[in-house]
Every structure is written in structure tokens, then in C-alpha cells.
Amino acid sequence: MADGVFEAVAACVVDVLQVPTGKVVEEAVFTEDLGATSLTLVEVVMALEEAFGIDVPEADVEAVRTVGDACDLVRRLS
């Protein structure tokens, strides 16, 4: 989808998790592929809330496993 969401989500992920841009792909699992912990995943979600002006319910945070999940969540809440 060429709506710019992936690029913005990827920028937040790179900034918060300090991972190389090339590792951030839609299929990347936050905990396994990008080394996120439960705390840093919350930090990613907070960065997404700020970047997109959205409010992510706690139940939705628990469902985010991959970068693609985060993109879908942002699209749904925007």
C-alpha cells in the first residue's frame, strides 16, 4: 500500500529500537527479529501515537507482533 504508513512506522521503529533500516520489513517480528522487549514495544507504540495523532487501546498493543501489524493498526485508527 503506497500510503506512506509503512515508511513512517519504519522510521519510528528505527528511532526507538535503534535497528538498521534494512531490518524493518512488514514481516519482521518485533521481539524475535528486531530485539524488542515488552517495554520497548510500548515505546514504539507511544512513538506511533505521537507521529500519527492516534490513541492505541491497550488491547490493541498486545495484538501487535510484526511491523505489518503496526501498520495495519495505524491505518485502522487513523
PDB file of N, CA and C in Angstrom:
ATOM      1  N   MET A   1       0.849  -1.172   0.000  1.00  0.00           N
ATOM      2  CA  MET A   1       0.000   0.000   0.000  1.00  0.00           C
ATOM      3  C   MET A   1       0.895   1.236   0.000  1.00  0.00           C
ATOM      4  N   ALA A   2       0.689   2.125  -0.911  1.00  0.00           N
ATOM      5  CA  ALA A   2       1.561   3.293  -1.062  1.00  0.00           C
ATOM      6  C   ALA A   2       0.962   4.512  -0.381  1.00  0.00           C
ATOM      7  N   ASP A   3       0.671   4.387   0.909  1.00  0.00           N
ATOM      8  CA  ASP A   3       0.063   5.500   1.636  1.00  0.00           C
ATOM      9  C   ASP A   3       1.047   6.182   2.577  1.00  0.00           C
ATOM     10  N   GLY A   4       2.291   5.755   2.585  1.00  0.00           N
ATOM     11  CA  GLY A   4       3.305   6.359   3.434  1.00  0.00           C
ATOM     12  C   GLY A   4       3.316   5.850   4.861  1.00  0.00           C
ATOM     13  N   VAL A   5       2.350   4.992   5.208  1.00  0.00           N
ATOM     14  CA  VAL A   5       2.275   4.493   6.586  1.00  0.00           C
ATOM     15  C   VAL A   5       3.489   3.637   6.919  1.00  0.00           C
ATOM     16  N   PHE A   6       3.841   2.709   6.032  1.00  0.00           N
ATOM     17  CA  PHE A   6       4.982   1.836   6.332  1.00  0.00           C
ATOM     18  C   PHE A   6       6.243   2.653   6.586  1.00  0.00           C
ATOM     19  N   GLU A   7       6.500   3.634   5.729  1.00  0.00           N
ATOM     20  CA  GLU A   7       7.711   4.435   5.870  1.00  0.00           C
ATOM     21  C   GLU A   7       7.742   5.163   7.209  1.00  0.00           C
ATOM     22  N   ALA A   8       6.605   5.717   7.621  1.00  0.00           N
ATOM     23  CA  ALA A   8       6.542   6.445   8.892  1.00  0.00           C
ATOM     24  C   ALA A   8       6.660   5.490  10.080  1.00  0.00           C
ATOM     25  N   VAL A   9       6.005   4.333   9.983  1.00  0.00           N
ATOM     26  CA  VAL A   9       6.113   3.330  11.045  1.00  0.00           C
ATOM     27  C   VAL A   9       7.566   2.856  11.144  1.00  0.00           C
ATOM     28  N   ALA A  10       8.180   2.574  10.005  1.00  0.00           N
ATOM     29  CA  ALA A  10       9.567   2.122   9.988  1.00  0.00           C
ATOM     30  C   ALA A  10      10.489   3.154  10.624  1.00  0.00           C
ATOM     31  N   ALA A  11      10.253   4.427  10.355  1.00  0.00           N
ATOM     32  CA  ALA A  11      11.084   5.482  10.942  1.00  0.00           C
ATOM     33  C   ALA A  11      10.961   5.476  12.466  1.00  0.00           C
ATOM     34  N   CYS A  12       9.754   5.284  12.979  1.00  0.00           N
ATOM     35  CA  CYS A  12       9.553   5.203  14.436  1.00  0.00           C
ATOM     36  C   CYS A  12      10.283   3.992  15.008  1.00  0.00           C
ATOM     37  N   VAL A  13      10.179   2.860  14.325  1.00  0.00           N
ATOM     38  CA  VAL A  13      10.810   1.626  14.797  1.00  0.00           C
ATOM     39  C   VAL A  13      12.328   1.780  14.837  1.00  0.00           C
ATOM     40  N   VAL A  14      12.894   2.324  13.776  1.00  0.00           N
ATOM     41  CA  VAL A  14      14.346   2.536  13.714  1.00  0.00           C
ATOM     42  C   VAL A  14      14.789   3.470  14.835  1.00  0.00           C
ATOM     43  N   ASP A  15      14.028   4.527  15.058  1.00  0.00           N
ATOM     44  CA  ASP A  15      14.375   5.510  16.082  1.00  0.00           C
ATOM     45  C   ASP A  15      14.320   4.912  17.482  1.00  0.00           C
ATOM     46  N   VAL A  16      13.257   4.192  17.786  1.00  0.00           N
ATOM     47  CA  VAL A  16      13.079   3.659  19.147  1.00  0.00           C
ATOM     48  C   VAL A  16      13.977   2.451  19.405  1.00  0.00           C
ATOM     49  N   LEU A  17      14.022   1.523  18.456  1.00  0.00           N
ATOM     50  CA  LEU A  17      14.758   0.273  18.683  1.00  0.00           C
ATOM     51  C   LEU A  17      16.221   0.337  18.254  1.00  0.00           C
ATOM     52  N   GLN A  18      16.600   1.423  17.554  1.00  0.00           N
ATOM     53  CA  GLN A  18      17.979   1.584  17.101  1.00  0.00           C
ATOM     54  C   GLN A  18      18.443   0.379  16.276  1.00  0.00           C
ATOM     55  N   VAL A  19      17.601  -0.005  15.311  1.00  0.00           N
ATOM     56  CA  VAL A  19      17.945  -1.103  14.405  1.00  0.00           C
ATOM     57  C   VAL A  19      18.187  -0.532  13.014  1.00  0.00           C
ATOM     58  N   PRO A  20      18.960  -1.236  12.193  1.00  0.00           N
ATOM     59  CA  PRO A  20      19.192  -0.768  10.825  1.00  0.00           C
ATOM     60  C   PRO A  20      17.885  -0.737  10.035  1.00  0.00           C
ATOM     61  N   THR A  21      17.744   0.250   9.193  1.00  0.00           N
ATOM     62  CA  THR A  21      16.541   0.412   8.374  1.00  0.00           C
ATOM     63  C   THR A  21      16.230  -0.845   7.582  1.00  0.00           C
ATOM     64  N   GLY A  22      17.233  -1.520   7.078  1.00  0.00           N
ATOM     65  CA  GLY A  22      17.038  -2.705   6.259  1.00  0.00           C
ATOM     66  C   GLY A  22      16.392  -3.873   6.990  1.00  0.00           C
ATOM     67  N   LYS A  23      16.472  -3.885   8.309  1.00  0.00           N
ATOM     68  CA  LYS A  23      15.857  -4.973   9.081  1.00  0.00           C
ATOM     69  C   LYS A  23      14.358  -4.762   9.269  1.00  0.00           C
ATOM     70  N   VAL A  24      13.900  -3.535   9.053  1.00  0.00           N
ATOM     71  CA  VAL A  24      12.497  -3.203   9.305  1.00  0.00           C
ATOM     72  C   VAL A  24      11.690  -3.461   8.030  1.00  0.00           C
ATOM     73  N   VAL A  25      11.095  -4.651   7.989  1.00  0.00           N
ATOM     74  CA  VAL A  25      10.222  -5.058   6.881  1.00  0.00           C
ATOM     75  C   VAL A  25       8.885  -5.457   7.489  1.00  0.00           C
ATOM     76  N   GLU A  26       7.837  -5.474   6.680  1.00  0.00           N
ATOM     77  CA  GLU A  26       6.494  -5.746   7.212  1.00  0.00           C
ATOM     78  C   GLU A  26       6.414  -7.076   7.947  1.00  0.00           C
ATOM     79  N   GLU A  27       7.205  -8.064   7.540  1.00  0.00           N
ATOM     80  CA  GLU A  27       7.147  -9.399   8.151  1.00  0.00           C
ATOM     81  C   GLU A  27       7.975  -9.504   9.426  1.00  0.00           C
ATOM     82  N   ALA A  28       8.775  -8.490   9.737  1.00  0.00           N
ATOM     83  CA  ALA A  28       9.671  -8.548  10.897  1.00  0.00           C
ATOM     84  C   ALA A  28       8.868  -8.622  12.196  1.00  0.00           C
ATOM     85  N   VAL A  29       9.194  -9.614  13.014  1.00  0.00           N
ATOM     86  CA  VAL A  29       8.559  -9.781  14.329  1.00  0.00           C
ATOM     87  C   VAL A  29       9.352  -8.920  15.316  1.00  0.00           C
ATOM     88  N   PHE A  30       8.640  -8.048  16.031  1.00  0.00           N
ATOM     89  CA  PHE A  30       9.318  -7.107  16.927  1.00  0.00           C
ATOM     90  C   PHE A  30      10.251  -7.798  17.911  1.00  0.00           C
ATOM     91  N   THR A  31       9.775  -8.832  18.596  1.00  0.00           N
ATOM     92  CA  THR A  31      10.592  -9.455  19.639  1.00  0.00           C
ATOM     93  C   THR A  31      11.690 -10.344  19.070  1.00  0.00           C
ATOM     94  N   GLU A  32      11.368 -11.117  18.051  1.00  0.00           N
ATOM     95  CA  GLU A  32      12.333 -12.085  17.524  1.00  0.00           C
ATOM     96  C   GLU A  32      13.319 -11.474  16.540  1.00  0.00           C
ATOM     97  N   ASP A  33      12.827 -10.662  15.616  1.00  0.00           N
ATOM     98  CA  ASP A  33      13.683 -10.138  14.555  1.00  0.00           C
ATOM     99  C   ASP A  33      14.329  -8.795  14.895  1.00  0.00           C
ATOM    100  N   LEU A  34      13.642  -7.997  15.717  1.00  0.00           N
ATOM    101  CA  LEU A  34      14.131  -6.645  15.985  1.00  0.00           C
ATOM    102  C   LEU A  34      14.599  -6.443  17.423  1.00  0.00           C
ATOM    103  N   GLY A  35      14.523  -7.497  18.234  1.00  0.00           N
ATOM    104  CA  GLY A  35      15.053  -7.441  19.591  1.00  0.00           C
ATOM    105  C   GLY A  35      14.264  -6.589  20.573  1.00  0.00           C
ATOM    106  N   ALA A  36      12.997  -6.347  20.282  1.00  0.00           N
ATOM    107  CA  ALA A  36      12.180  -5.535  21.184  1.00  0.00           C
ATOM    108  C   ALA A  36      11.813  -6.323  22.436  1.00  0.00           C
ATOM    109  N   THR A  37      11.696  -5.600  23.531  1.00  0.00           N
ATOM    110  CA  THR A  37      11.167  -6.158  24.774  1.00  0.00           C
ATOM    111  C   THR A  37       9.746  -5.619  24.931  1.00  0.00           C
ATOM    112  N   SER A  38       9.044  -6.071  25.939  1.00  0.00           N
ATOM    113  CA  SER A  38       7.692  -5.548  26.147  1.00  0.00           C
ATOM    114  C   SER A  38       7.745  -4.038  26.395  1.00  0.00           C
ATOM    115  N   LEU A  39       8.776  -3.567  27.078  1.00  0.00           N
ATOM    116  CA  LEU A  39       8.915  -2.138  27.346  1.00  0.00           C
ATOM    117  C   LEU A  39       9.206  -1.351  26.069  1.00  0.00           C
ATOM    118  N   THR A  40      10.145  -1.826  25.265  1.00  0.00           N
ATOM    119  CA  THR A  40      10.468  -1.077  24.047  1.00  0.00           C
ATOM    120  C   THR A  40       9.331  -1.146  23.033  1.00  0.00           C
ATOM    121  N   LEU A  41       8.536  -2.211  23.068  1.00  0.00           N
ATOM    122  CA  LEU A  41       7.378  -2.280  22.186  1.00  0.00           C
ATOM    123  C   LEU A  41       6.355  -1.211  22.577  1.00  0.00           C
ATOM    124  N   VAL A  42       6.186  -0.996  23.863  1.00  0.00           N
ATOM    125  CA  VAL A  42       5.301   0.085  24.332  1.00  0.00           C
ATOM    126  C   VAL A  42       5.858   1.438  23.871  1.00  0.00           C
ATOM    127  N   GLU A  43       7.169   1.597  23.906  1.00  0.00           N
ATOM    128  CA  GLU A  43       7.790   2.838  23.434  1.00  0.00           C
ATOM    129  C   GLU A  43       7.544   3.048  21.946  1.00  0.00           C
ATOM    130  N   VAL A  44       7.580   1.969  21.172  1.00  0.00           N
ATOM    131  CA  VAL A  44       7.274   2.061  19.741  1.00  0.00           C
ATOM    132  C   VAL A  44       5.834   2.534  19.552  1.00  0.00           C
ATOM    133  N   VAL A  45       4.910   1.933  20.289  1.00  0.00           N
ATOM    134  CA  VAL A  45       3.501   2.307  20.181  1.00  0.00           C
ATOM    135  C   VAL A  45       3.309   3.774  20.571  1.00  0.00           C
ATOM    136  N   MET A  46       3.987   4.218  21.617  1.00  0.00           N
ATOM    137  CA  MET A  46       3.887   5.624  22.020  1.00  0.00           C
ATOM    138  C   MET A  46       4.411   6.543  20.917  1.00  0.00           C
ATOM    139  N   ALA A  47       5.484   6.144  20.261  1.00  0.00           N
ATOM    140  CA  ALA A  47       6.027   6.935  19.154  1.00  0.00           C
ATOM    141  C   ALA A  47       5.027   6.976  17.995  1.00  0.00           C
ATOM    142  N   LEU A  48       4.347   5.860  17.739  1.00  0.00           N
ATOM    143  CA  LEU A  48       3.334   5.828  16.677  1.00  0.00           C
ATOM    144  C   LEU A  48       2.156   6.727  17.037  1.00  0.00           C
ATOM    145  N   GLU A  49       1.738   6.702  18.292  1.00  0.00           N
ATOM    146  CA  GLU A  49       0.641   7.563  18.728  1.00  0.00           C
ATOM    147  C   GLU A  49       0.984   9.030  18.479  1.00  0.00           C
ATOM    148  N   GLU A  50       2.208   9.395  18.823  1.00  0.00           N
ATOM    149  CA  GLU A  50       2.641  10.782  18.632  1.00  0.00           C
ATOM    150  C   GLU A  50       2.763  11.125  17.149  1.00  0.00           C
ATOM    151  N   ALA A  51       3.357  10.243  16.383  1.00  0.00           N
ATOM    152  CA  ALA A  51       3.583  10.518  14.957  1.00  0.00           C
ATOM    153  C   ALA A  51       2.289  10.622  14.164  1.00  0.00           C
ATOM    154  N   PHE A  52       1.299   9.812  14.531  1.00  0.00           N
ATOM    155  CA  PHE A  52       0.064   9.758  13.755  1.00  0.00           C
ATOM    156  C   PHE A  52      -1.130  10.435  14.443  1.00  0.00           C
ATOM    157  N   GLY A  53      -0.936  10.919  15.664  1.00  0.00           N
ATOM    158  CA  GLY A  53      -2.030  11.565  16.380  1.00  0.00           C
ATOM    159  C   GLY A  53      -3.172  10.613  16.692  1.00  0.00           C
ATOM    160  N   ILE A  54      -2.808   9.389  17.092  1.00  0.00           N
ATOM    161  CA  ILE A  54      -3.820   8.372  17.399  1.00  0.00           C
ATOM    162  C   ILE A  54      -3.695   7.955  18.852  1.00  0.00           C
ATOM    163  N   ASP A  55      -4.709   7.248  19.350  1.00  0.00           N
ATOM    164  CA  ASP A  55      -4.679   6.689  20.699  1.00  0.00           C
ATOM    165  C   ASP A  55      -4.884   5.189  20.550  1.00  0.00           C
ATOM    166  N   VAL A  56      -3.882   4.407  20.915  1.00  0.00           N
ATOM    167  CA  VAL A  56      -3.930   2.955  20.741  1.00  0.00           C
ATOM    168  C   VAL A  56      -4.420   2.309  22.038  1.00  0.00           C
ATOM    169  N   PRO A  57      -5.578   1.640  21.984  1.00  0.00           N
ATOM    170  CA  PRO A  57      -6.067   0.937  23.173  1.00  0.00           C
ATOM    171  C   PRO A  57      -5.099  -0.172  23.588  1.00  0.00           C
ATOM    172  N   GLU A  58      -5.010  -0.412  24.892  1.00  0.00           N
ATOM    173  CA  GLU A  58      -4.060  -1.404  25.423  1.00  0.00           C
ATOM    174  C   GLU A  58      -4.269  -2.786  24.804  1.00  0.00           C
ATOM    175  N   ALA A  59      -5.517  -3.161  24.579  1.00  0.00           N
ATOM    176  CA  ALA A  59      -5.806  -4.472  23.986  1.00  0.00           C
ATOM    177  C   ALA A  59      -5.198  -4.587  22.590  1.00  0.00           C
ATOM    178  N   ASP A  60      -5.162  -3.481  21.854  1.00  0.00           N
ATOM    179  CA  ASP A  60      -4.581  -3.498  20.509  1.00  0.00           C
ATOM    180  C   ASP A  60      -3.062  -3.614  20.553  1.00  0.00           C
ATOM    181  N   VAL A  61      -2.452  -3.062  21.587  1.00  0.00           N
ATOM    182  CA  VAL A  61      -0.993  -3.139  21.721  1.00  0.00           C
ATOM    183  C   VAL A  61      -0.569  -4.596  21.811  1.00  0.00           C
ATOM    184  N   GLU A  62      -1.315  -5.386  22.560  1.00  0.00           N
ATOM    185  CA  GLU A  62      -0.969  -6.792  22.755  1.00  0.00           C
ATOM    186  C   GLU A  62      -1.068  -7.605  21.470  1.00  0.00           C
ATOM    187  N   ALA A  63      -1.830  -7.130  20.496  1.00  0.00           N
ATOM    188  CA  ALA A  63      -2.004  -7.860  19.247  1.00  0.00           C
ATOM    189  C   ALA A  63      -0.921  -7.537  18.215  1.00  0.00           C
ATOM    190  N   VAL A  64      -0.090  -6.552  18.491  1.00  0.00           N
ATOM    191  CA  VAL A  64       0.944  -6.135  17.537  1.00  0.00           C
ATOM    192  C   VAL A  64       2.170  -7.024  17.709  1.00  0.00           C
ATOM    193  N   ARG A  65       2.406  -7.881  16.719  1.00  0.00           N
ATOM    194  CA  ARG A  65       3.578  -8.767  16.736  1.00  0.00           C
ATOM    195  C   ARG A  65       4.607  -8.373  15.688  1.00  0.00           C
ATOM    196  N   THR A  66       4.124  -7.890  14.548  1.00  0.00           N
ATOM    197  CA  THR A  66       5.021  -7.577  13.434  1.00  0.00           C
ATOM    198  C   THR A  66       4.907  -6.105  13.045  1.00  0.00           C
ATOM    199  N   VAL A  67       5.845  -5.665  12.242  1.00  0.00           N
ATOM    200  CA  VAL A  67       5.796  -4.301  11.714  1.00  0.00           C
ATOM    201  C   VAL A  67       4.526  -4.129  10.881  1.00  0.00           C
ATOM    202  N   GLY A  68       4.159  -5.157  10.134  1.00  0.00           N
ATOM    203  CA  GLY A  68       2.925  -5.104   9.349  1.00  0.00           C
ATOM    204  C   GLY A  68       1.696  -4.941  10.227  1.00  0.00           C
ATOM    205  N   ASP A  69       1.688  -5.617  11.388  1.00  0.00           N
ATOM    206  CA  ASP A  69       0.581  -5.446  12.341  1.00  0.00           C
ATOM    207  C   ASP A  69       0.494  -3.994  12.789  1.00  0.00           C
ATOM    208  N   ALA A  70       1.637  -3.379  13.049  1.00  0.00           N
ATOM    209  CA  ALA A  70       1.665  -1.980  13.480  1.00  0.00           C
ATOM    210  C   ALA A  70       1.127  -1.072  12.375  1.00  0.00           C
ATOM    211  N   CYS A  71       1.495  -1.356  11.136  1.00  0.00           N
ATOM    212  CA  CYS A  71       0.992  -0.563  10.004  1.00  0.00           C
ATOM    213  C   CYS A  71      -0.522  -0.695   9.886  1.00  0.00           C
ATOM    214  N   ASP A  72      -1.018  -1.919   9.996  1.00  0.00           N
ATOM    215  CA  ASP A  72      -2.467  -2.148   9.919  1.00  0.00           C
ATOM    216  C   ASP A  72      -3.195  -1.415  11.034  1.00  0.00           C
ATOM    217  N   LEU A  73      -2.620  -1.436  12.222  1.00  0.00           N
ATOM    218  CA  LEU A  73      -3.223  -0.766  13.372  1.00  0.00           C
ATOM    219  C   LEU A  73      -3.306   0.736  13.126  1.00  0.00           C
ATOM    220  N   VAL A  74      -2.219   1.321  12.645  1.00  0.00           N
ATOM    221  CA  VAL A  74      -2.201   2.754  12.365  1.00  0.00           C
ATOM    222  C   VAL A  74      -3.250   3.099  11.311  1.00  0.00           C
ATOM    223  N   ARG A  75      -3.335   2.306  10.266  1.00  0.00           N
ATOM    224  CA  ARG A  75      -4.331   2.569   9.209  1.00  0.00           C
ATOM    225  C   ARG A  75      -5.745   2.509   9.769  1.00  0.00           C
ATOM    226  N   ARG A  76      -5.982   1.551  10.649  1.00  0.00           N
ATOM    227  CA  ARG A  76      -7.331   1.381  11.217  1.00  0.00           C
ATOM    228  C   ARG A  76      -7.705   2.538  12.142  1.00  0.00           C
ATOM    229  N   LEU A  77      -6.736   3.045  12.897  1.00  0.00           N
ATOM    230  CA  LEU A  77      -7.029   4.078  13.880  1.00  0.00           C
ATOM    231  C   LEU A  77      -6.893   5.500  13.339  1.00  0.00           C
ATOM    232  N   SER A  78      -6.322   5.636  12.157  1.00  0.00           N
ATOM    233  CA  SER A  78      -6.117   6.988  11.578  1.00  0.00           C
ATOM    234  C   SER A  78      -7.382   7.478  10.901  1.00  0.00           C
TER     235      SER A  78
END
